[in-house]
Amino acid sequence: MSEIVVAARAPAPAAGRWGAAPPQELLERLKDYGQEGAFAFWDELGPEERDHLIRDIESLDLPRIDRIIRRSLRSQGAPIQAVEPVPESSVSRVDDRTLEDRERWWRRGLRAISEGKLAVVLLAGGQGTRLGSSDPKGCFTPGGTPQIQWYIMTSPFTDEATRKFFETHRYFGLEPNQVTFFQQGTLPCVSPDGRFIMETPYKVARAPDGNGGVYAALKSKRLLDDMAARGVKYADCYGVDNVLVRVADPTFLGYFIDRGVSAAAKVVRKGYPSEKVGVFVQRGKGGPLSVVEYSEMDEAMKTEINQTTGRLRYCWSNIVREEEFAPVKNANDPTDVQILREEEFAPVKNANGSTHDTPNSALLMLLRLHSRWVVAAGGFLTHSVPLCNTGVEVSPLLSYAGENLDAICRGRKFHAPSEIPF
C-alpha cells in the first residue's frame, strides 16, 4: 500500500452538510474501537469526499471487524493451541483400493452428477498480483457435464473481469443460467497495530476476506437455498490456481457418498518443510480435524520429523479441495483422502522466475501428466528438446483423467511439444 500524501488546499473546502467536524456520534463509535484515525484527513476533504468517507465508514460492521482484529493481534507470536498430526492410518488413498471399488465409486459419482445432485463451487476472488498480472487468477493462462451448476465466488476486485471472461468464452459450453457469480466479503486492511489503512483520504483500504469467506457468502446470498431448490445434495469446492484440479471428480464424489460423511478433503504430502500450504491437524489427540496455516507454524513445527516414517510429522497439505453436503453448517466428521501431487496438484502462485509454483512449472506438470497418459495408452513420444522439459497436452474433451485414449494413441507417434485435440 503506497503512502498517502495529502497536499494543503487553498482555500479550505466548504463545510458541506456535515459541518466543520465529523459527525460526533460516528466519531465516538470509531473511538470505541480505536479507529478514529480514519478521520485524520477530514479537514482537507471537500464536501463530496466527506460524504464518501461517511458512507464508507457506515458500511463497516465495526464490532465484527474489531473482534477479528483483536483475535489476530492476540494470536501473533502466541503458541498454537494443542494440536496433533493427522495419523497416517486416518488418511485414505483411493488408489490403494481395489479396481472394483474404484469403478463402483466412479459410476456412483457419475450417476449423482448426471442427476444434477452436484454443484461446483469455484473460489476465484484472488488477483494475479504475485503472477505479475492485474487480471483475476482464473483469467490467467499459463501457456462438464451439462447437468452441473457452477457457483463462482469472486471479489469486488475480480467480479467484472471474471464475468467478461466467461462471456467471451461462452461459458465453456454451459448455459449462462448454469453459472452463478457471487462476491465474497471484504475486510479493512490494517497496520501491524490494528489501525485502518486508508486507500485514499476518504476511503478505507479493503481486501477480500479469504477462501474462508465462502461460507458467509453462500449463506448471505442464500445460495444454499438455491442449491436445495435445484436438487443439489453435494458441493465440490476448489481453488482457482490449481492447474491439475479434477473438477467434479466422479471417483472422489462416489467415495464420499459411500462413506456417508459430512465432508471430505483431498490432501497431498508437503513437498518440502517451507512450502506455503496449510496443514491438516487434529485439535487435541483424537480431536476434530482443523487446518493450521503456514503463517501460524513455527520453524520447529514445519521441520519436525515423524521418527517412524522418516517424513514430516505435519505433512498433510490443505490444497482447498473438498466435497461436502450443501446443507451442512459444520463438518464434524470429515475425512482426508491422499492424492498424488504429480496427478492433481500444480499450483500457480508466483511469477515465472520464482523457485516454486509458477505458470511454467504448472504447465510442465500438466504436459508430463498427459505424456504419461499417452504412453500408458500405447502411444510413443518423439521430442527435439529433453523430454523432462516438454510433453503433450490432451484436450479435456478427449479424456478427463487418462481414460479412453487407447483408440487414439495406440501405435501412434506424437512429437512434443504438441496438443492432441478433440
Protein backbone atom coordinates (compact mmCIF):
# COMPACT_ATOMS: atom_id res chain seq x y z
CA MET A 1 0.00 0.00 0.00
CA SER A 2 1.61 3.27 -1.05
CA GLU A 3 1.79 6.11 1.47
CA ILE A 4 -0.95 8.73 1.19
CA VAL A 5 0.32 12.27 0.83
CA VAL A 6 -2.33 14.97 1.01
CA ALA A 7 -1.33 18.44 -0.14
CA ALA A 8 -2.68 21.50 1.64
CA ARG A 9 -5.61 23.09 -0.17
CA ALA A 10 -6.37 26.75 -0.55
CA PRO A 11 -8.91 27.92 0.08
CA ALA A 12 -10.21 25.44 2.70
CA PRO A 13 -13.13 23.33 1.47
CA ALA A 14 -16.67 24.30 2.18
CA ALA A 15 -18.07 22.70 5.29
CA GLY A 16 -20.86 20.94 3.39
CA ARG A 17 -23.78 19.29 5.15
CA TRP A 18 -21.51 17.69 7.77
CA GLY A 19 -20.12 20.96 9.13
CA ALA A 20 -16.51 21.61 10.07
CA ALA A 21 -16.16 18.44 12.17
CA PRO A 22 -17.04 14.78 11.55
CA PRO A 23 -20.43 13.60 12.86
CA GLN A 24 -19.95 13.31 16.61
CA GLU A 25 -21.86 10.03 17.01
CA LEU A 26 -19.84 8.30 14.30
CA LEU A 27 -16.58 9.72 15.65
CA GLU A 28 -17.40 8.34 19.11
CA ARG A 29 -18.14 4.92 17.63
CA LEU A 30 -14.76 4.90 15.92
CA LYS A 31 -13.07 5.95 19.16
CA ASP A 32 -14.68 2.98 20.90
CA TYR A 33 -12.69 0.73 18.56
CA GLY A 34 -9.54 2.83 18.34
CA GLN A 35 -10.19 3.71 14.68
CA GLU A 36 -10.78 7.47 14.89
CA GLY A 37 -7.69 7.90 12.67
CA ALA A 38 -9.99 7.25 9.70
CA PHE A 39 -10.99 10.91 10.05
CA ALA A 40 -7.38 12.15 10.06
CA PHE A 41 -7.77 13.91 6.69
CA TRP A 42 -11.22 15.38 7.35
CA ASP A 43 -10.07 18.99 7.24
CA GLU A 44 -8.53 18.52 3.78
CA LEU A 45 -11.61 16.90 2.23
CA GLY A 46 -14.22 18.53 0.04
CA PRO A 47 -17.98 18.04 0.62
CA GLU A 48 -18.32 15.09 -1.80
CA GLU A 49 -15.24 13.39 -0.37
CA ARG A 50 -16.61 13.80 3.15
CA ASP A 51 -19.90 12.23 2.04
CA HIS A 52 -17.95 9.32 0.53
CA LEU A 53 -15.93 8.80 3.72
CA ILE A 54 -19.05 8.83 5.93
CA ARG A 55 -20.80 6.26 3.73
CA ASP A 56 -17.67 4.12 3.61
CA ILE A 57 -17.31 4.02 7.40
CA GLU A 58 -21.04 3.47 7.98
CA SER A 59 -20.88 0.39 5.73
CA LEU A 60 -18.39 -1.30 8.09
CA ASP A 61 -19.52 -3.84 10.69
CA LEU A 62 -17.26 -2.33 13.35
CA PRO A 63 -17.97 -4.83 16.20
CA ARG A 64 -17.25 -7.83 13.96
CA ILE A 65 -14.15 -6.23 12.46
CA ASP A 66 -12.87 -5.34 15.93
CA ARG A 67 -13.28 -8.95 17.09
CA ILE A 68 -11.32 -10.19 14.08
CA ILE A 69 -8.53 -7.64 14.59
CA ARG A 70 -8.22 -8.39 18.31
CA ARG A 71 -8.15 -12.13 17.72
CA SER A 72 -5.49 -11.69 15.06
CA LEU A 73 -3.32 -9.46 17.25
CA ARG A 74 -3.60 -11.86 20.19
CA SER A 75 -2.50 -14.78 18.01
CA GLN A 76 0.69 -13.08 16.82
CA GLY A 77 3.63 -14.81 18.42
CA ALA A 78 1.35 -16.91 20.61
CA PRO A 79 1.88 -20.68 20.65
CA ILE A 80 -0.61 -22.71 18.64
CA GLN A 81 -3.20 -24.44 20.79
CA ALA A 82 -2.52 -28.11 21.39
CA VAL A 83 -2.65 -29.95 18.08
CA GLU A 84 -1.62 -33.38 16.92
CA PRO A 85 -0.64 -34.51 13.42
CA VAL A 86 -3.24 -36.45 11.48
CA PRO A 87 -2.16 -40.10 11.73
CA GLU A 88 -1.12 -41.87 8.53
CA SER A 89 -3.78 -44.50 9.27
CA SER A 90 -6.50 -41.83 9.23
CA VAL A 91 -5.80 -40.75 5.65
CA SER A 92 -7.34 -42.89 2.92
CA ARG A 93 -5.86 -43.38 -0.51
CA VAL A 94 -8.41 -44.22 -3.15
CA ASP A 95 -5.78 -45.66 -5.50
CA ASP A 96 -4.96 -48.33 -2.91
CA ARG A 97 -8.49 -49.71 -3.12
CA THR A 98 -9.49 -52.47 -5.48
CA LEU A 99 -10.30 -51.74 -9.11
CA GLU A 100 -13.83 -52.94 -8.38
CA ASP A 101 -14.23 -50.33 -5.60
CA ARG A 102 -12.87 -47.52 -7.74
CA GLU A 103 -15.13 -48.40 -10.67
CA ARG A 104 -18.11 -48.54 -8.32
CA TRP A 105 -17.27 -45.10 -6.94
CA TRP A 106 -16.76 -43.74 -10.46
CA ARG A 107 -20.19 -44.99 -11.57
CA ARG A 108 -21.87 -43.75 -8.40
CA GLY A 109 -20.30 -40.32 -8.76
CA LEU A 110 -21.25 -40.08 -12.44
CA ARG A 111 -24.81 -41.04 -11.61
CA ALA A 112 -25.06 -38.30 -8.97
CA ILE A 113 -23.63 -35.77 -11.43
CA SER A 114 -25.97 -36.84 -14.22
CA GLU A 115 -28.92 -36.44 -11.83
CA GLY A 116 -27.92 -32.85 -11.09
CA LYS A 117 -27.04 -33.57 -7.46
CA LEU A 118 -23.56 -32.00 -7.58
CA ALA A 119 -22.76 -28.29 -7.58
CA VAL A 120 -19.26 -26.98 -8.21
CA VAL A 121 -18.03 -24.01 -6.14
CA LEU A 122 -15.01 -22.18 -7.55
CA LEU A 123 -13.03 -19.86 -5.28
CA ALA A 124 -11.91 -17.13 -7.68
CA GLY A 125 -11.69 -13.98 -5.58
CA GLY A 126 -7.91 -13.58 -5.76
CA GLN A 127 -5.99 -11.36 -8.15
CA GLY A 128 -2.88 -12.44 -10.05
CA THR A 129 -0.69 -9.89 -8.29
CA ARG A 130 2.11 -12.33 -7.45
CA LEU A 131 1.99 -13.57 -11.04
CA GLY A 132 2.80 -10.11 -12.37
CA SER A 133 -0.74 -9.77 -13.74
CA SER A 134 -3.57 -7.43 -12.79
CA ASP A 135 -6.17 -9.93 -14.04
CA PRO A 136 -8.09 -12.30 -11.78
CA LYS A 137 -6.16 -15.53 -11.20
CA GLY A 138 -8.83 -17.53 -13.01
CA CYS A 139 -8.30 -15.49 -16.19
CA PHE A 140 -4.54 -16.02 -16.17
CA THR A 141 -3.40 -18.52 -18.83
CA PRO A 142 -0.13 -20.41 -18.09
CA GLY A 143 0.94 -21.22 -21.53
CA GLY A 144 -18.60 -30.68 -17.66
CA THR A 145 -21.08 -32.06 -17.94
CA PRO A 146 -24.28 -30.09 -18.78
CA GLN A 147 -26.08 -31.03 -15.54
CA ILE A 148 -23.60 -29.30 -13.21
CA GLN A 149 -24.46 -25.98 -11.60
CA TRP A 150 -21.34 -23.80 -11.25
CA TYR A 151 -21.13 -21.28 -8.41
CA ILE A 152 -18.19 -18.90 -8.82
CA MET A 153 -17.06 -16.81 -5.89
CA THR A 154 -15.43 -13.56 -6.98
CA SER A 155 -14.46 -10.43 -5.09
CA PRO A 156 -15.14 -6.76 -5.81
CA PHE A 157 -11.70 -6.70 -7.42
CA THR A 158 -12.25 -9.66 -9.78
CA ASP A 159 -16.01 -9.81 -10.39
CA GLU A 160 -16.34 -7.73 -13.57
CA ALA A 161 -13.29 -9.22 -15.32
CA THR A 162 -14.34 -12.77 -14.40
CA ARG A 163 -17.86 -12.29 -15.77
CA LYS A 164 -16.47 -10.88 -19.02
CA PHE A 165 -14.04 -13.80 -19.26
CA PHE A 166 -16.93 -16.26 -19.09
CA GLU A 167 -18.97 -14.31 -21.61
CA THR A 168 -16.03 -14.22 -24.02
CA HIS A 169 -15.58 -17.99 -23.72
CA ARG A 170 -19.32 -18.68 -24.00
CA TYR A 171 -19.47 -20.11 -20.50
CA PHE A 172 -17.22 -23.01 -21.53
CA GLY A 173 -20.10 -25.00 -23.00
CA LEU A 174 -22.60 -24.39 -20.21
CA GLU A 175 -25.76 -22.36 -20.43
CA PRO A 176 -25.49 -18.91 -18.79
CA ASN A 177 -28.16 -19.87 -16.25
CA GLN A 178 -25.95 -22.75 -15.06
CA VAL A 179 -23.31 -20.30 -13.85
CA THR A 180 -23.95 -18.22 -10.73
CA PHE A 181 -21.49 -15.49 -9.74
CA PHE A 182 -21.39 -14.23 -6.17
CA GLN A 183 -19.00 -11.96 -4.34
CA GLN A 184 -17.17 -12.78 -1.15
CA GLY A 185 -16.93 -10.18 1.57
CA THR A 186 -14.11 -7.76 2.25
CA LEU A 187 -12.32 -6.64 5.41
CA PRO A 188 -10.41 -3.44 6.09
CA CYS A 189 -6.65 -3.59 5.69
CA VAL A 190 -4.96 -2.80 8.99
CA SER A 191 -1.49 -1.82 10.16
CA PRO A 192 0.58 -4.08 12.47
CA ASP A 193 -1.02 -2.34 15.46
CA GLY A 194 -4.56 -2.90 14.13
CA ARG A 195 -5.35 0.56 12.73
CA PHE A 196 -7.26 1.02 9.48
CA ILE A 197 -5.12 1.74 6.44
CA MET A 198 -6.59 4.37 4.13
CA GLU A 199 -6.60 3.70 0.39
CA THR A 200 -7.36 7.39 -0.15
CA PRO A 201 -8.03 10.16 2.39
CA TYR A 202 -11.73 9.33 2.09
CA LYS A 203 -11.73 5.55 1.62
CA VAL A 204 -10.68 2.69 3.89
CA ALA A 205 -8.49 0.16 2.10
CA ARG A 206 -10.11 -3.27 1.87
CA ALA A 207 -9.16 -6.76 0.74
CA PRO A 208 -11.15 -9.98 0.12
CA ASP A 209 -11.86 -11.94 3.30
CA GLY A 210 -10.09 -15.10 2.09
CA ASN A 211 -11.28 -18.52 0.99
CA GLY A 212 -12.96 -18.95 4.36
CA GLY A 213 -15.33 -16.18 3.33
CA VAL A 214 -17.10 -18.66 1.05
CA TYR A 215 -19.29 -19.90 3.91
CA ALA A 216 -20.59 -16.48 4.92
CA ALA A 217 -21.03 -15.53 1.27
CA LEU A 218 -23.02 -18.67 0.42
CA LYS A 219 -25.24 -18.04 3.44
CA SER A 220 -25.77 -14.31 2.94
CA LYS A 221 -26.57 -14.76 -0.77
CA ARG A 222 -28.98 -17.62 0.09
CA LEU A 223 -27.14 -19.89 -2.31
CA LEU A 224 -27.54 -22.96 -0.11
CA ASP A 225 -31.29 -22.46 -0.55
CA ASP A 226 -30.71 -22.08 -4.29
CA MET A 227 -28.79 -25.37 -4.36
CA ALA A 228 -31.52 -27.15 -2.45
CA ALA A 229 -34.18 -25.81 -4.81
CA ARG A 230 -32.19 -27.23 -7.74
CA GLY A 231 -31.95 -30.65 -6.11
CA VAL A 232 -28.25 -30.31 -5.29
CA LYS A 233 -27.07 -32.56 -2.46
CA TYR A 234 -23.30 -32.20 -2.72
CA ALA A 235 -20.88 -29.34 -3.33
CA ASP A 236 -17.42 -29.68 -4.82
CA CYS A 237 -15.24 -26.75 -3.75
CA TYR A 238 -11.86 -25.94 -5.27
CA GLY A 239 -9.36 -23.12 -5.64
CA VAL A 240 -8.78 -21.35 -8.92
CA ASP A 241 -5.00 -21.62 -9.00
CA ASN A 242 -4.51 -25.40 -9.33
CA VAL A 243 -3.91 -26.34 -12.98
CA LEU A 244 -4.33 -30.09 -12.36
CA VAL A 245 -7.52 -29.91 -10.30
CA ARG A 246 -10.04 -32.61 -11.18
CA VAL A 247 -13.25 -30.65 -11.16
CA ALA A 248 -16.27 -32.74 -10.11
CA ASP A 249 -14.13 -35.88 -9.72
CA PRO A 250 -16.64 -38.77 -10.03
CA THR A 251 -14.44 -41.23 -8.12
CA PHE A 252 -13.94 -38.87 -5.19
CA LEU A 253 -17.64 -37.98 -5.17
CA GLY A 254 -18.63 -41.64 -5.23
CA TYR A 255 -16.19 -42.43 -2.40
CA PHE A 256 -17.58 -39.50 -0.41
CA ILE A 257 -21.17 -40.66 -0.88
CA ASP A 258 -20.17 -44.22 0.02
CA ARG A 259 -18.57 -43.09 3.29
CA GLY A 260 -21.65 -41.11 4.29
CA VAL A 261 -19.62 -38.32 5.92
CA SER A 262 -20.44 -34.62 6.00
CA ALA A 263 -17.20 -33.51 4.34
CA ALA A 264 -14.10 -34.91 2.68
CA ALA A 265 -10.89 -33.22 1.60
CA LYS A 266 -8.16 -34.22 -0.83
CA VAL A 267 -4.66 -33.83 0.59
CA VAL A 268 -1.09 -34.20 -0.68
CA ARG A 269 2.10 -34.59 1.29
CA LYS A 270 4.06 -31.39 1.75
CA GLY A 271 6.78 -31.15 -0.85
CA TYR A 272 9.31 -29.52 1.49
CA PRO A 273 9.25 -28.03 5.02
CA SER A 274 8.87 -24.37 3.98
CA GLU A 275 6.14 -24.98 1.38
CA LYS A 276 3.49 -22.30 1.81
CA VAL A 277 0.48 -24.52 2.42
CA GLY A 278 -1.65 -25.02 5.48
CA VAL A 279 -1.71 -28.49 7.01
CA PHE A 280 -4.49 -30.60 8.48
CA VAL A 281 -4.16 -31.30 12.20
CA GLN A 282 -6.25 -32.75 15.00
CA ARG A 283 -7.28 -30.36 17.77
CA GLY A 284 -6.05 -32.48 20.67
CA LYS A 285 -5.37 -36.20 20.49
CA GLY A 286 -8.19 -37.82 18.52
CA GLY A 287 -9.92 -34.46 18.26
CA PRO A 288 -11.66 -32.86 15.27
CA LEU A 289 -9.80 -32.04 12.07
CA SER A 290 -8.69 -28.48 11.56
CA VAL A 291 -6.18 -26.55 9.44
CA VAL A 292 -3.14 -24.66 10.68
CA GLU A 293 -2.00 -22.08 8.14
CA TYR A 294 1.67 -22.00 7.15
CA SER A 295 1.98 -18.50 8.58
CA GLU A 296 0.97 -19.89 12.01
CA MET A 297 3.60 -22.64 12.01
CA ASP A 298 6.95 -22.00 13.67
CA GLU A 299 10.15 -23.47 12.31
CA ALA A 300 10.08 -26.44 14.68
CA MET A 301 6.57 -27.43 13.58
CA LYS A 302 7.47 -27.07 9.90
CA THR A 303 10.55 -29.28 10.14
CA GLU A 304 9.57 -31.86 12.79
CA ILE A 305 10.11 -35.42 11.56
CA ASN A 306 7.96 -38.47 12.23
CA GLN A 307 10.54 -40.90 13.63
CA THR A 308 8.56 -43.92 12.41
CA THR A 309 8.08 -42.87 8.78
CA GLY A 310 11.06 -40.53 8.38
CA ARG A 311 8.69 -37.96 6.82
CA LEU A 312 7.45 -34.60 8.02
CA ARG A 313 5.25 -35.00 11.08
CA TYR A 314 2.81 -32.31 9.95
CA CYS A 315 2.61 -33.25 6.30
CA TRP A 316 -0.97 -33.32 5.01
CA SER A 317 -1.37 -30.19 2.91
CA ASN A 318 -4.66 -28.35 2.57
CA ILE A 319 -5.00 -27.76 -1.18
CA VAL A 320 -8.55 -26.34 -0.99
CA ARG A 321 -10.19 -29.41 -2.48
CA GLU A 322 -13.37 -30.57 -0.79
CA GLU A 323 -16.69 -32.31 -1.28
CA GLU A 324 -19.40 -31.61 1.23
CA PHE A 325 -23.15 -31.78 1.74
CA ALA A 326 -24.55 -28.37 0.82
CA PRO A 327 -26.91 -28.04 3.83
CA VAL A 328 -24.20 -28.86 6.40
CA LYS A 329 -23.19 -25.90 8.57
CA ASN A 330 -20.39 -27.64 10.50
CA ALA A 331 -18.33 -30.51 9.14
CA ASN A 332 -17.99 -32.60 12.29
CA ASP A 333 -16.94 -35.90 10.74
CA PRO A 334 -14.65 -35.01 7.83
CA THR A 335 -12.26 -37.42 6.17
CA ASP A 336 -9.00 -36.87 4.31
CA VAL A 337 -8.08 -38.62 1.07
CA GLN A 338 -4.49 -38.62 -0.18
CA ILE A 339 -3.89 -37.87 -3.84
CA LEU A 340 -0.69 -37.80 -5.87
CA ARG A 341 0.82 -34.35 -6.28
CA GLU A 342 2.04 -35.11 -9.81
CA GLU A 343 -1.50 -36.02 -10.87
CA GLU A 344 -3.70 -33.43 -9.13
CA PHE A 345 -1.76 -30.52 -7.64
CA ALA A 346 0.09 -27.93 -9.73
CA PRO A 347 -0.48 -24.55 -8.04
CA VAL A 348 0.14 -21.21 -9.75
CA LYS A 349 1.08 -18.73 -7.04
CA ASN A 350 4.24 -16.92 -8.17
CA ALA A 351 5.51 -15.26 -11.34
CA ASN A 352 7.87 -17.07 -13.70
CA GLY A 353 11.42 -16.78 -12.44
CA SER A 354 10.45 -17.77 -8.90
CA THR A 355 11.66 -21.06 -7.43
CA HIS A 356 8.29 -22.74 -6.97
CA ASP A 357 4.67 -22.74 -8.14
CA THR A 358 4.96 -20.66 -11.30
CA PRO A 359 2.89 -20.76 -14.51
CA ASN A 360 5.77 -22.53 -16.29
CA SER A 361 6.19 -25.17 -13.58
CA ALA A 362 2.44 -25.85 -13.54
CA LEU A 363 2.30 -26.14 -17.33
CA LEU A 364 5.23 -28.56 -17.30
CA MET A 365 3.49 -30.73 -14.71
CA LEU A 366 0.40 -30.84 -16.93
CA LEU A 367 2.47 -31.79 -20.01
CA ARG A 368 4.26 -34.53 -18.08
CA LEU A 369 0.99 -35.96 -16.75
CA HIS A 370 -0.62 -36.04 -20.18
CA SER A 371 2.53 -37.56 -21.68
CA ARG A 372 2.22 -40.42 -19.18
CA TRP A 373 -1.39 -40.86 -20.26
CA VAL A 374 -0.35 -41.14 -23.90
CA VAL A 375 2.39 -43.69 -23.18
CA ALA A 376 0.06 -45.73 -20.94
CA ALA A 377 -2.43 -45.80 -23.82
CA GLY A 378 0.18 -47.30 -26.17
CA GLY A 379 1.43 -44.12 -27.83
CA PHE A 380 5.03 -43.04 -28.46
CA LEU A 381 6.63 -39.64 -27.93
CA THR A 382 9.33 -38.03 -30.02
CA HIS A 383 10.97 -34.80 -28.98
CA SER A 384 13.60 -32.31 -30.10
CA VAL A 385 14.30 -30.99 -26.59
CA PRO A 386 14.80 -33.07 -23.40
CA LEU A 387 11.54 -34.78 -22.57
CA CYS A 388 11.83 -33.61 -18.96
CA ASN A 389 11.24 -30.08 -20.27
CA THR A 390 8.33 -30.74 -22.60
CA GLY A 391 5.40 -33.06 -23.31
CA VAL A 392 1.99 -33.25 -24.96
CA GLU A 393 -1.34 -31.81 -23.90
CA VAL A 394 -4.52 -33.86 -24.21
CA SER A 395 -7.73 -31.91 -24.80
CA PRO A 396 -10.06 -32.25 -21.78
CA LEU A 397 -12.80 -33.04 -24.29
CA LEU A 398 -10.92 -36.27 -25.09
CA SER A 399 -10.10 -37.52 -21.61
CA TYR A 400 -10.80 -36.49 -18.03
CA ALA A 401 -8.10 -38.50 -16.24
CA GLY A 402 -6.33 -40.51 -18.92
CA GLU A 403 -9.21 -42.83 -19.82
CA ASN A 404 -10.48 -43.63 -23.35
CA LEU A 405 -7.21 -42.80 -25.13
CA ASP A 406 -6.30 -46.25 -26.47
CA ALA A 407 -8.08 -45.87 -29.79
CA ILE A 408 -6.41 -42.51 -30.37
CA CYS A 409 -2.89 -43.23 -29.12
CA ARG A 410 -2.08 -46.91 -29.56
CA GLY A 411 0.75 -47.38 -32.03
CA ARG A 412 0.91 -43.66 -32.93
CA LYS A 413 3.79 -41.22 -32.53
CA PHE A 414 3.35 -37.74 -31.09
CA HIS A 415 6.05 -35.10 -31.31
CA ALA A 416 6.46 -33.00 -28.18
CA PRO A 417 5.54 -30.29 -27.56
CA SER A 418 2.14 -30.66 -29.17
CA GLU A 419 -1.56 -30.86 -28.41
CA ILE A 420 -3.87 -33.79 -29.05
CA PRO A 421 -7.13 -32.02 -29.91
CA PHE A 422 -10.70 -33.25 -29.75
